[in-house]
Amino acid sequence: MKVTGSTVHYVTPEVDAGPVICREEVAVQPGDTEETLHERIKAVEHRLLVEAVKILRTEDLS
């Protein structure tokens, strides 16, 4: 099974190298088009952003 997904992470000088806050895989379904896959990924991104904010609110960021 092929998968893609979304990751929320801290930003660092090196691209995509920051510690991961949260992530979720999205399966690539048979018959997926670019549009159908993009819509499922976008829904995951929206959920993850809310989850990341909740996680960050409980962390000591100092």
PDB file of N, CA and C in Angstrom:
ATOM      1  N   MET A   1       0.841  -1.171   0.000  1.00  0.00           N
ATOM      2  CA  MET A   1       0.000   0.000   0.000  1.00  0.00           C
ATOM      3  C   MET A   1       0.893   1.243   0.000  1.00  0.00           C
ATOM      4  N   LYS A   2       0.560   2.171  -0.853  1.00  0.00           N
ATOM      5  CA  LYS A   2       1.283   3.433  -0.893  1.00  0.00           C
ATOM      6  C   LYS A   2       0.635   4.405   0.080  1.00  0.00           C
ATOM      7  N   VAL A   3       1.481   5.208   0.726  1.00  0.00           N
ATOM      8  CA  VAL A   3       0.974   6.207   1.654  1.00  0.00           C
ATOM      9  C   VAL A   3       1.684   7.532   1.431  1.00  0.00           C
ATOM     10  N   THR A   4       1.005   8.559   1.802  1.00  0.00           N
ATOM     11  CA  THR A   4       1.565   9.899   1.877  1.00  0.00           C
ATOM     12  C   THR A   4       1.105  10.418   3.229  1.00  0.00           C
ATOM     13  N   GLY A   5       1.103  11.689   3.436  1.00  0.00           N
ATOM     14  CA  GLY A   5       0.621  12.173   4.713  1.00  0.00           C
ATOM     15  C   GLY A   5       0.980  13.611   4.964  1.00  0.00           C
ATOM     16  N   SER A   6       0.871  13.980   6.219  1.00  0.00           N
ATOM     17  CA  SER A   6       1.142  15.349   6.630  1.00  0.00           C
ATOM     18  C   SER A   6       1.862  15.316   7.968  1.00  0.00           C
ATOM     19  N   THR A   7       2.772  16.269   8.138  1.00  0.00           N
ATOM     20  CA  THR A   7       3.545  16.386   9.365  1.00  0.00           C
ATOM     21  C   THR A   7       3.579  17.839   9.793  1.00  0.00           C
ATOM     22  N   VAL A   8       3.390  18.071  11.081  1.00  0.00           N
ATOM     23  CA  VAL A   8       3.582  19.402  11.657  1.00  0.00           C
ATOM     24  C   VAL A   8       4.845  19.301  12.503  1.00  0.00           C
ATOM     25  N   HIS A   9       5.790  20.188  12.244  1.00  0.00           N
ATOM     26  CA  HIS A   9       7.048  20.139  12.988  1.00  0.00           C
ATOM     27  C   HIS A   9       7.557  21.546  13.262  1.00  0.00           C
ATOM     28  N   TYR A  10       8.491  21.626  14.196  1.00  0.00           N
ATOM     29  CA  TYR A  10       9.142  22.900  14.478  1.00  0.00           C
ATOM     30  C   TYR A  10       9.988  23.295  13.277  1.00  0.00           C
ATOM     31  N   VAL A  11      10.080  24.587  13.032  1.00  0.00           N
ATOM     32  CA  VAL A  11      10.892  25.102  11.932  1.00  0.00           C
ATOM     33  C   VAL A  11      12.313  25.307  12.435  1.00  0.00           C
ATOM     34  N   THR A  12      13.267  24.820  11.657  1.00  0.00           N
ATOM     35  CA  THR A  12      14.687  24.988  11.953  1.00  0.00           C
ATOM     36  C   THR A  12      15.374  25.519  10.704  1.00  0.00           C
ATOM     37  N   PRO A  13      16.616  25.977  10.828  1.00  0.00           N
ATOM     38  CA  PRO A  13      17.311  26.481   9.639  1.00  0.00           C
ATOM     39  C   PRO A  13      17.402  25.442   8.510  1.00  0.00           C
ATOM     40  N   GLU A  14      17.520  24.167   8.874  1.00  0.00           N
ATOM     41  CA  GLU A  14      17.580  23.110   7.859  1.00  0.00           C
ATOM     42  C   GLU A  14      16.149  22.706   7.491  1.00  0.00           C
ATOM     43  N   VAL A  15      15.863  22.649   6.209  1.00  0.00           N
ATOM     44  CA  VAL A  15      14.507  22.350   5.733  1.00  0.00           C
ATOM     45  C   VAL A  15      14.038  20.980   6.227  1.00  0.00           C
ATOM     46  N   ASP A  16      12.822  20.952   6.777  1.00  0.00           N
ATOM     47  CA  ASP A  16      12.164  19.721   7.243  1.00  0.00           C
ATOM     48  C   ASP A  16      12.981  18.938   8.272  1.00  0.00           C
ATOM     49  N   ALA A  17      13.783  19.628   9.069  1.00  0.00           N
ATOM     50  CA  ALA A  17      14.636  18.937  10.036  1.00  0.00           C
ATOM     51  C   ALA A  17      14.187  19.132  11.481  1.00  0.00           C
ATOM     52  N   GLY A  18      13.175  19.956  11.707  1.00  0.00           N
ATOM     53  CA  GLY A  18      12.740  20.234  13.072  1.00  0.00           C
ATOM     54  C   GLY A  18      12.038  19.055  13.708  1.00  0.00           C
ATOM     55  N   PRO A  19      12.029  19.037  15.034  1.00  0.00           N
ATOM     56  CA  PRO A  19      11.330  17.962  15.742  1.00  0.00           C
ATOM     57  C   PRO A  19       9.843  17.919  15.365  1.00  0.00           C
ATOM     58  N   VAL A  20       9.337  16.712  15.217  1.00  0.00           N
ATOM     59  CA  VAL A  20       7.944  16.506  14.815  1.00  0.00           C
ATOM     60  C   VAL A  20       7.021  16.753  16.004  1.00  0.00           C
ATOM     61  N   ILE A  21       5.961  17.499  15.762  1.00  0.00           N
ATOM     62  CA  ILE A  21       4.933  17.738  16.774  1.00  0.00           C
ATOM     63  C   ILE A  21       3.844  16.676  16.630  1.00  0.00           C
ATOM     64  N   CYS A  22       3.377  16.448  15.400  1.00  0.00           N
ATOM     65  CA  CYS A  22       2.403  15.394  15.137  1.00  0.00           C
ATOM     66  C   CYS A  22       2.419  15.073  13.645  1.00  0.00           C
ATOM     67  N   ARG A  23       1.937  13.890  13.326  1.00  0.00           N
ATOM     68  CA  ARG A  23       1.884  13.459  11.920  1.00  0.00           C
ATOM     69  C   ARG A  23       0.777  12.442  11.742  1.00  0.00           C
ATOM     70  N   GLU A  24       0.362  12.303  10.487  1.00  0.00           N
ATOM     71  CA  GLU A  24      -0.670  11.311  10.166  1.00  0.00           C
ATOM     72  C   GLU A  24      -0.477  10.848   8.730  1.00  0.00           C
ATOM     73  N   GLU A  25      -0.556   9.537   8.538  1.00  0.00           N
ATOM     74  CA  GLU A  25      -0.464   8.972   7.197  1.00  0.00           C
ATOM     75  C   GLU A  25      -1.817   9.046   6.502  1.00  0.00           C
ATOM     76  N   VAL A  26      -1.764   9.122   5.170  1.00  0.00           N
ATOM     77  CA  VAL A  26      -2.957   9.084   4.326  1.00  0.00           C
ATOM     78  C   VAL A  26      -2.691   8.032   3.257  1.00  0.00           C
ATOM     79  N   ALA A  27      -3.550   7.022   3.188  1.00  0.00           N
ATOM     80  CA  ALA A  27      -3.382   5.960   2.199  1.00  0.00           C
ATOM     81  C   ALA A  27      -3.735   6.476   0.808  1.00  0.00           C
ATOM     82  N   VAL A  28      -2.950   6.048  -0.162  1.00  0.00           N
ATOM     83  CA  VAL A  28      -3.267   6.331  -1.557  1.00  0.00           C
ATOM     84  C   VAL A  28      -4.184   5.202  -2.020  1.00  0.00           C
ATOM     85  N   GLN A  29      -5.423   5.551  -2.341  1.00  0.00           N
ATOM     86  CA  GLN A  29      -6.441   4.568  -2.704  1.00  0.00           C
ATOM     87  C   GLN A  29      -6.396   4.266  -4.202  1.00  0.00           C
ATOM     88  N   PRO A  30      -6.743   3.030  -4.586  1.00  0.00           N
ATOM     89  CA  PRO A  30      -6.857   2.739  -6.014  1.00  0.00           C
ATOM     90  C   PRO A  30      -7.862   3.708  -6.642  1.00  0.00           C
ATOM     91  N   GLY A  31      -7.524   4.244  -7.769  1.00  0.00           N
ATOM     92  CA  GLY A  31      -8.417   5.165  -8.460  1.00  0.00           C
ATOM     93  C   GLY A  31      -8.302   6.604  -7.995  1.00  0.00           C
ATOM     94  N   ASP A  32      -7.439   6.866  -7.007  1.00  0.00           N
ATOM     95  CA  ASP A  32      -7.245   8.246  -6.573  1.00  0.00           C
ATOM     96  C   ASP A  32      -6.774   9.102  -7.733  1.00  0.00           C
ATOM     97  N   THR A  33      -7.271  10.306  -7.763  1.00  0.00           N
ATOM     98  CA  THR A  33      -6.734  11.312  -8.674  1.00  0.00           C
ATOM     99  C   THR A  33      -5.956  12.299  -7.817  1.00  0.00           C
ATOM    100  N   GLU A  34      -5.246  13.189  -8.464  1.00  0.00           N
ATOM    101  CA  GLU A  34      -4.531  14.220  -7.722  1.00  0.00           C
ATOM    102  C   GLU A  34      -5.508  14.998  -6.838  1.00  0.00           C
ATOM    103  N   GLU A  35      -6.680  15.264  -7.377  1.00  0.00           N
ATOM    104  CA  GLU A  35      -7.670  16.049  -6.645  1.00  0.00           C
ATOM    105  C   GLU A  35      -8.243  15.300  -5.437  1.00  0.00           C
ATOM    106  N   THR A  36      -8.603  14.016  -5.602  1.00  0.00           N
ATOM    107  CA  THR A  36      -9.197  13.278  -4.484  1.00  0.00           C
ATOM    108  C   THR A  36      -8.182  13.070  -3.366  1.00  0.00           C
ATOM    109  N   LEU A  37      -6.950  12.775  -3.738  1.00  0.00           N
ATOM    110  CA  LEU A  37      -5.903  12.601  -2.737  1.00  0.00           C
ATOM    111  C   LEU A  37      -5.621  13.923  -2.026  1.00  0.00           C
ATOM    112  N   HIS A  38      -5.561  15.001  -2.786  1.00  0.00           N
ATOM    113  CA  HIS A  38      -5.312  16.317  -2.201  1.00  0.00           C
ATOM    114  C   HIS A  38      -6.392  16.680  -1.187  1.00  0.00           C
ATOM    115  N   GLU A  39      -7.642  16.389  -1.486  1.00  0.00           N
ATOM    116  CA  GLU A  39      -8.734  16.701  -0.566  1.00  0.00           C
ATOM    117  C   GLU A  39      -8.592  15.926   0.744  1.00  0.00           C
ATOM    118  N   ARG A  40      -8.222  14.641   0.670  1.00  0.00           N
ATOM    119  CA  ARG A  40      -8.040  13.850   1.892  1.00  0.00           C
ATOM    120  C   ARG A  40      -6.846  14.345   2.699  1.00  0.00           C
ATOM    121  N   ILE A  41      -5.768  14.695   2.014  1.00  0.00           N
ATOM    122  CA  ILE A  41      -4.594  15.229   2.716  1.00  0.00           C
ATOM    123  C   ILE A  41      -4.939  16.556   3.381  1.00  0.00           C
ATOM    124  N   LYS A  42      -5.673  17.401   2.679  1.00  0.00           N
ATOM    125  CA  LYS A  42      -6.048  18.707   3.229  1.00  0.00           C
ATOM    126  C   LYS A  42      -6.885  18.543   4.503  1.00  0.00           C
ATOM    127  N   ALA A  43      -7.794  17.585   4.526  1.00  0.00           N
ATOM    128  CA  ALA A  43      -8.600  17.334   5.724  1.00  0.00           C
ATOM    129  C   ALA A  43      -7.707  16.917   6.895  1.00  0.00           C
ATOM    130  N   VAL A  44      -6.710  16.089   6.616  1.00  0.00           N
ATOM    131  CA  VAL A  44      -5.765  15.674   7.655  1.00  0.00           C
ATOM    132  C   VAL A  44      -4.954  16.872   8.138  1.00  0.00           C
ATOM    133  N   GLU A  45      -4.494  17.701   7.220  1.00  0.00           N
ATOM    134  CA  GLU A  45      -3.725  18.894   7.603  1.00  0.00           C
ATOM    135  C   GLU A  45      -4.522  19.781   8.551  1.00  0.00           C
ATOM    136  N   HIS A  46      -5.788  19.965   8.266  1.00  0.00           N
ATOM    137  CA  HIS A  46      -6.628  20.810   9.121  1.00  0.00           C
ATOM    138  C   HIS A  46      -6.744  20.220  10.527  1.00  0.00           C
ATOM    139  N   ARG A  47      -6.934  18.907  10.619  1.00  0.00           N
ATOM    140  CA  ARG A  47      -7.001  18.247  11.929  1.00  0.00           C
ATOM    141  C   ARG A  47      -5.680  18.368  12.676  1.00  0.00           C
ATOM    142  N   LEU A  48      -4.567  18.162  11.945  1.00  0.00           N
ATOM    143  CA  LEU A  48      -3.256  18.191  12.587  1.00  0.00           C
ATOM    144  C   LEU A  48      -2.892  19.571  13.105  1.00  0.00           C
ATOM    145  N   LEU A  49      -3.288  20.611  12.399  1.00  0.00           N
ATOM    146  CA  LEU A  49      -2.987  21.961  12.882  1.00  0.00           C
ATOM    147  C   LEU A  49      -3.674  22.223  14.216  1.00  0.00           C
ATOM    148  N   VAL A  50      -4.910  21.787  14.344  1.00  0.00           N
ATOM    149  CA  VAL A  50      -5.628  21.941  15.618  1.00  0.00           C
ATOM    150  C   VAL A  50      -4.941  21.108  16.699  1.00  0.00           C
ATOM    151  N   GLU A  51      -4.582  19.876  16.366  1.00  0.00           N
ATOM    152  CA  GLU A  51      -3.902  19.004  17.325  1.00  0.00           C
ATOM    153  C   GLU A  51      -2.567  19.614  17.762  1.00  0.00           C
ATOM    154  N   ALA A  52      -1.811  20.160  16.812  1.00  0.00           N
ATOM    155  CA  ALA A  52      -0.512  20.756  17.132  1.00  0.00           C
ATOM    156  C   ALA A  52      -0.664  21.940  18.081  1.00  0.00           C
ATOM    157  N   VAL A  53      -1.665  22.768  17.854  1.00  0.00           N
ATOM    158  CA  VAL A  53      -1.900  23.912  18.746  1.00  0.00           C
ATOM    159  C   VAL A  53      -2.219  23.414  20.156  1.00  0.00           C
ATOM    160  N   LYS A  54      -3.038  22.381  20.263  1.00  0.00           N
ATOM    161  CA  LYS A  54      -3.361  21.826  21.583  1.00  0.00           C
ATOM    162  C   LYS A  54      -2.106  21.297  22.271  1.00  0.00           C
ATOM    163  N   ILE A  55      -1.262  20.614  21.526  1.00  0.00           N
ATOM    164  CA  ILE A  55      -0.009  20.087  22.083  1.00  0.00           C
ATOM    165  C   ILE A  55       0.887  21.235  22.535  1.00  0.00           C
ATOM    166  N   LEU A  56       1.034  22.238  21.699  1.00  0.00           N
ATOM    167  CA  LEU A  56       1.918  23.360  22.020  1.00  0.00           C
ATOM    168  C   LEU A  56       1.413  24.160  23.215  1.00  0.00           C
ATOM    169  N   ARG A  57       0.116  24.213  23.406  1.00  0.00           N
ATOM    170  CA  ARG A  57      -0.440  24.948  24.551  1.00  0.00           C
ATOM    171  C   ARG A  57      -0.051  24.301  25.871  1.00  0.00           C
ATOM    172  N   THR A  58       0.247  23.014  25.858  1.00  0.00           N
ATOM    173  CA  THR A  58       0.601  22.313  27.095  1.00  0.00           C
ATOM    174  C   THR A  58       2.107  22.216  27.309  1.00  0.00           C
ATOM    175  N   GLU A  59       2.905  22.624  26.321  1.00  0.00           N
ATOM    176  CA  GLU A  59       4.361  22.552  26.439  1.00  0.00           C
ATOM    177  C   GLU A  59       4.930  23.839  27.005  1.00  0.00           C
ATOM    178  N   ASP A  60       6.045  23.700  27.693  1.00  0.00           N
ATOM    179  CA  ASP A  60       6.795  24.863  28.154  1.00  0.00           C
ATOM    180  C   ASP A  60       7.735  25.252  27.022  1.00  0.00           C
ATOM    181  N   LEU A  61       7.440  26.338  26.340  1.00  0.00           N
ATOM    182  CA  LEU A  61       8.205  26.742  25.160  1.00  0.00           C
ATOM    183  C   LEU A  61       9.351  27.695  25.491  1.00  0.00           C
ATOM    184  N   SER A  62       9.614  27.924  26.764  1.00  0.00           N
ATOM    185  CA  SER A  62      10.692  28.853  27.121  1.00  0.00           C
ATOM    186  C   SER A  62      12.053  28.204  27.022  1.00  0.00           C
TER     187      SER A  62
END
